[in-house]
Amino acid sequence: MERAKLEHFGRVFARLLFAGVVFVAGARAWIWFVAAVVTAPLFLLGFSTHHMDVSYDFGFIRCLYGFSPGALLAWFQHDSIAGARQVLLANGPRMSWTLAEIVMVAVIVLFVSLAGDNDAGIAAPLVFALALFLFAHEGGWISALLRTPFMLTLGALSYSIYMVHIFVQARLINVAGLVERKLGLGLISDIVLRGEPATGFGAGWTGTVAIVVMLAATIAVSWVTWRLVEMPAMAWFRRLSKRI
């Protein structure tokens, strides 16, 4: 859990640095993002023995590396993606884009399967940036599936899910421990996570039910934080940006 907290703080500082770079560098901020994409993986390969699996040891560098490709995509591709999507809707070869999306999904599955605790994992931000670029065009049938109301809702909640899921999981593990002691159900067990001892949900049907409950609770809590925290904060920043 301490490791998760350290990773969380690293992400917070990365976002603060991003805001500072954009505020100070303005239209030239993209140069700093390119520098991060180029230098961060070299730094991790040269100085980290844990590759991308770092938190207190160069976790901040990893966060910058993961954040910068997405920032570059947003910086350069918004207008071009919007234009490309209009062309696709009018004349685009839907099947060709669908095939490209299927290949991209296969590449992601293969990459995740092979790039574990090794140097190949360093390429993760670049692989997923390519996936973002492809799916942002919304040209294929998989993209159409991702535009269904349920998937759009999950997309809107994704940042809140990302921010609260560790907290929700930890609290449900606490509750599961109490229930286990009262009823004798095998809800939790000792596991090994990233080579370190941890506590997680147990195996069998009880563990599966606990995981389903955790997913549902995470989405519910995320909806609350999205409505009460994220949306008001975004509105406040939009008003602030107009004043600047």
Protein backbone atom coordinates (compact mmCIF):
# COMPACT_ATOMS: atom_id res chain seq x y z
CA MET A 1 0.00 0.00 0.00
CA GLU A 2 2.91 2.36 0.69
CA ARG A 3 4.14 1.67 -2.81
CA ALA A 4 0.75 2.64 -4.24
CA LYS A 5 0.81 5.90 -2.28
CA LEU A 6 4.28 6.73 -3.62
CA GLU A 7 3.13 6.04 -7.18
CA HIS A 8 0.09 8.26 -6.63
CA PHE A 9 2.22 11.18 -5.42
CA GLY A 10 4.53 10.72 -8.41
CA ARG A 11 1.57 11.08 -10.76
CA VAL A 12 0.34 14.18 -8.91
CA PHE A 13 3.74 15.86 -9.21
CA ALA A 14 3.96 14.91 -12.89
CA ARG A 15 0.65 16.66 -13.56
CA LEU A 16 1.70 19.73 -11.60
CA LEU A 17 4.90 19.87 -13.62
CA PHE A 18 2.89 19.51 -16.83
CA ALA A 19 0.70 22.46 -15.86
CA GLY A 20 3.78 24.50 -14.97
CA VAL A 21 5.51 23.73 -18.28
CA VAL A 22 2.43 24.69 -20.29
CA PHE A 23 2.00 27.89 -18.30
CA VAL A 24 5.65 28.94 -18.64
CA ALA A 25 6.61 27.61 -22.09
CA GLY A 26 3.27 28.23 -23.82
CA ALA A 27 3.32 27.18 -27.49
CA ARG A 28 6.79 25.66 -27.11
CA ALA A 29 5.79 23.29 -24.33
CA TRP A 30 5.78 20.40 -26.80
CA ILE A 31 9.60 20.57 -26.92
CA TRP A 32 9.75 19.60 -23.25
CA PHE A 33 7.37 16.70 -23.81
CA VAL A 34 9.51 15.41 -26.68
CA ALA A 35 12.58 15.69 -24.45
CA ALA A 36 10.83 13.64 -21.77
CA VAL A 37 9.82 10.93 -24.27
CA VAL A 38 13.41 10.67 -25.53
CA THR A 39 15.38 10.92 -22.28
CA ALA A 40 13.14 9.19 -19.71
CA PRO A 41 13.36 5.65 -21.21
CA LEU A 42 17.11 6.00 -21.61
CA PHE A 43 17.37 7.07 -17.98
CA LEU A 44 15.26 4.12 -16.78
CA LEU A 45 17.24 1.65 -18.88
CA GLY A 46 20.51 3.04 -17.63
CA PHE A 47 19.81 3.51 -13.93
CA SER A 48 16.81 1.37 -12.91
CA THR A 49 16.97 -2.36 -12.30
CA HIS A 50 13.15 -2.56 -12.17
CA HIS A 51 12.52 -1.23 -15.69
CA MET A 52 9.05 0.39 -15.70
CA ASP A 53 8.08 -1.16 -12.36
CA VAL A 54 9.34 1.73 -10.24
CA SER A 55 7.73 3.90 -7.57
CA TYR A 56 10.02 5.52 -5.01
CA ASP A 57 13.00 4.59 -7.22
CA PHE A 58 12.55 6.85 -10.27
CA GLY A 59 8.75 6.59 -10.25
CA PHE A 60 8.57 10.30 -11.01
CA ILE A 61 10.61 9.74 -14.18
CA ARG A 62 8.27 6.92 -15.20
CA CYS A 63 5.25 9.19 -14.67
CA LEU A 64 6.76 11.90 -16.86
CA TYR A 65 7.51 9.34 -19.55
CA GLY A 66 3.98 7.94 -19.47
CA PHE A 67 2.36 11.37 -19.39
CA SER A 68 4.32 13.04 -22.19
CA PRO A 69 3.21 10.95 -25.22
CA GLY A 70 -0.44 11.60 -24.36
CA ALA A 71 0.27 15.29 -23.97
CA LEU A 72 1.94 15.36 -27.40
CA LEU A 73 -1.03 13.59 -28.98
CA ALA A 74 -3.41 16.11 -27.48
CA TRP A 75 -1.09 18.96 -28.49
CA PHE A 76 -0.78 18.09 -32.18
CA GLN A 77 -3.56 15.73 -33.17
CA HIS A 78 -6.84 17.29 -32.06
CA ASP A 79 -7.53 19.19 -35.27
CA SER A 80 -6.09 16.54 -37.59
CA ILE A 81 -8.07 13.76 -35.90
CA ALA A 82 -11.28 15.76 -36.14
CA GLY A 83 -10.66 16.36 -39.85
CA ALA A 84 -9.74 12.75 -40.50
CA ARG A 85 -12.87 11.54 -38.75
CA GLN A 86 -15.07 13.71 -40.99
CA VAL A 87 -13.39 12.24 -44.07
CA LEU A 88 -13.81 8.71 -42.72
CA LEU A 89 -17.49 9.19 -42.02
CA ALA A 90 -18.02 10.47 -45.56
CA ASN A 91 -15.74 8.25 -47.63
CA GLY A 92 -13.63 6.17 -45.27
CA PRO A 93 -13.01 2.45 -45.69
CA ARG A 94 -14.67 1.28 -42.49
CA MET A 95 -13.41 -2.29 -42.89
CA SER A 96 -9.80 -1.15 -43.30
CA TRP A 97 -9.93 0.84 -40.09
CA THR A 98 -11.64 -2.06 -38.34
CA LEU A 99 -8.82 -4.37 -39.42
CA ALA A 100 -6.26 -1.84 -38.16
CA GLU A 101 -8.07 -1.68 -34.80
CA ILE A 102 -8.15 -5.47 -34.52
CA VAL A 103 -4.42 -5.62 -35.26
CA MET A 104 -3.80 -2.93 -32.63
CA VAL A 105 -5.75 -4.89 -30.01
CA ALA A 106 -3.72 -8.00 -30.89
CA VAL A 107 -0.49 -6.01 -30.57
CA ILE A 108 -1.53 -4.74 -27.15
CA VAL A 109 -2.42 -8.25 -25.93
CA LEU A 110 0.88 -9.62 -27.25
CA PHE A 111 2.85 -6.75 -25.75
CA VAL A 112 1.24 -7.09 -22.32
CA SER A 113 1.84 -10.85 -22.43
CA LEU A 114 5.53 -10.59 -23.32
CA ALA A 115 6.65 -7.28 -21.80
CA GLY A 116 6.59 -8.09 -18.12
CA ASP A 117 9.63 -7.72 -15.92
CA ASN A 118 12.04 -6.97 -18.77
CA ASP A 119 13.38 -4.12 -20.87
CA ALA A 120 10.57 -4.44 -23.43
CA GLY A 121 8.18 -2.89 -20.92
CA ILE A 122 9.96 0.43 -21.48
CA ALA A 123 8.05 0.70 -24.77
CA ALA A 124 4.63 0.68 -23.03
CA PRO A 125 3.92 4.45 -23.25
CA LEU A 126 4.78 4.44 -26.97
CA VAL A 127 2.65 1.36 -27.74
CA PHE A 128 -0.37 2.77 -25.95
CA ALA A 129 0.16 6.22 -27.48
CA LEU A 130 -0.05 4.54 -30.89
CA ALA A 131 -3.28 2.85 -29.80
CA LEU A 132 -4.70 6.18 -28.66
CA PHE A 133 -3.79 7.77 -31.99
CA LEU A 134 -5.48 4.99 -33.94
CA PHE A 135 -8.67 4.78 -31.91
CA ALA A 136 -9.01 8.57 -31.70
CA HIS A 137 -9.87 8.53 -35.41
CA GLU A 138 -12.96 6.43 -34.58
CA GLY A 139 -12.86 4.81 -38.01
CA GLY A 140 -13.65 1.15 -37.27
CA TRP A 141 -16.32 -1.01 -35.70
CA ILE A 142 -14.40 -1.43 -32.45
CA SER A 143 -14.44 2.35 -32.10
CA ALA A 144 -18.18 2.26 -32.75
CA LEU A 145 -18.54 -0.21 -29.89
CA LEU A 146 -16.53 2.10 -27.65
CA ARG A 147 -18.98 4.92 -28.43
CA THR A 148 -21.96 3.10 -26.87
CA PRO A 149 -23.49 4.94 -23.88
CA PHE A 150 -22.10 2.48 -21.32
CA MET A 151 -18.55 2.70 -22.68
CA LEU A 152 -18.77 6.50 -22.95
CA THR A 153 -19.84 6.64 -19.31
CA LEU A 154 -16.88 4.50 -18.28
CA GLY A 155 -14.65 6.75 -20.33
CA ALA A 156 -15.96 9.83 -18.57
CA LEU A 157 -15.35 8.15 -15.22
CA SER A 158 -11.95 6.74 -16.18
CA TYR A 159 -9.84 9.35 -14.43
CA SER A 160 -11.91 9.12 -11.26
CA ILE A 161 -11.67 5.31 -11.45
CA TYR A 162 -7.93 5.64 -11.80
CA MET A 163 -7.71 7.91 -8.76
CA VAL A 164 -9.99 6.02 -6.34
CA HIS A 165 -9.62 2.33 -7.21
CA ILE A 166 -6.72 1.66 -4.81
CA PHE A 167 -8.58 3.34 -1.94
CA VAL A 168 -11.79 1.41 -2.67
CA GLN A 169 -9.92 -1.87 -2.97
CA ALA A 170 -8.12 -1.32 0.35
CA ARG A 171 -11.33 -0.47 2.20
CA LEU A 172 -13.16 -3.49 0.76
CA ILE A 173 -10.28 -5.73 1.78
CA ASN A 174 -10.68 -4.34 5.31
CA VAL A 175 -14.41 -5.08 5.21
CA ALA A 176 -13.80 -8.55 3.73
CA GLY A 177 -11.38 -9.30 6.57
CA LEU A 178 -14.06 -8.47 9.14
CA VAL A 179 -16.69 -10.55 7.32
CA GLU A 180 -14.24 -13.45 7.02
CA ARG A 181 -13.59 -13.47 10.74
CA LYS A 182 -17.34 -13.41 11.48
CA LEU A 183 -18.57 -15.92 8.89
CA GLY A 184 -15.47 -17.96 8.10
CA LEU A 185 -15.63 -17.28 4.35
CA GLY A 186 -12.41 -17.33 2.34
CA LEU A 187 -12.63 -13.78 1.04
CA ILE A 188 -9.02 -12.68 1.38
CA SER A 189 -5.63 -14.34 1.25
CA ASP A 190 -1.94 -13.53 1.33
CA ILE A 191 -0.53 -12.98 -2.16
CA VAL A 192 2.73 -11.88 -3.76
CA LEU A 193 2.48 -8.65 -5.75
CA ARG A 194 5.54 -7.42 -7.65
CA GLY A 195 7.69 -9.70 -5.55
CA GLU A 196 6.37 -8.31 -2.27
CA PRO A 197 3.87 -9.82 0.22
CA ALA A 198 0.40 -8.29 0.06
CA THR A 199 -3.21 -9.00 0.96
CA GLY A 200 -5.79 -9.57 -1.77
CA PHE A 201 -9.08 -11.27 -2.47
CA GLY A 202 -9.02 -15.04 -2.20
CA ALA A 203 -9.57 -17.72 -4.83
CA GLY A 204 -12.79 -19.57 -5.55
CA TRP A 205 -16.29 -18.25 -5.97
CA THR A 206 -16.15 -16.04 -2.88
CA GLY A 207 -13.06 -14.26 -4.17
CA THR A 208 -14.72 -13.82 -7.57
CA VAL A 209 -17.81 -12.29 -5.96
CA ALA A 210 -15.58 -9.99 -3.90
CA ILE A 211 -13.83 -8.79 -7.07
CA VAL A 212 -17.18 -8.11 -8.79
CA VAL A 213 -18.33 -6.14 -5.73
CA MET A 214 -15.04 -4.20 -5.80
CA LEU A 215 -15.53 -3.29 -9.47
CA ALA A 216 -19.10 -2.14 -8.87
CA ALA A 217 -18.10 -0.14 -5.79
CA THR A 218 -15.21 1.47 -7.66
CA ILE A 219 -17.52 2.63 -10.46
CA ALA A 220 -20.08 3.93 -7.94
CA VAL A 221 -17.51 5.88 -5.92
CA SER A 222 -15.94 7.18 -9.14
CA TRP A 223 -19.29 8.53 -10.29
CA VAL A 224 -19.59 10.47 -7.02
CA THR A 225 -16.07 11.95 -7.26
CA TRP A 226 -16.63 12.72 -10.94
CA ARG A 227 -19.82 14.65 -10.20
CA LEU A 228 -18.72 16.37 -6.99
CA VAL A 229 -14.99 16.89 -7.56
CA GLU A 230 -13.82 16.39 -11.13
CA MET A 231 -16.60 18.20 -13.01
CA PRO A 232 -16.65 21.28 -10.71
CA ALA A 233 -12.83 21.44 -10.86
CA MET A 234 -12.86 21.31 -14.67
CA ALA A 235 -15.49 24.05 -14.80
CA TRP A 236 -13.42 26.19 -12.43
CA PHE A 237 -10.27 25.77 -14.55
CA ARG A 238 -12.19 26.66 -17.71
CA ARG A 239 -13.39 29.88 -16.09
CA LEU A 240 -9.86 30.59 -14.90
CA SER A 241 -8.36 30.00 -18.34
CA LYS A 242 -10.80 32.46 -19.91
CA ARG A 243 -9.68 35.13 -17.46
CA ILE A 244 -6.03 34.49 -18.30
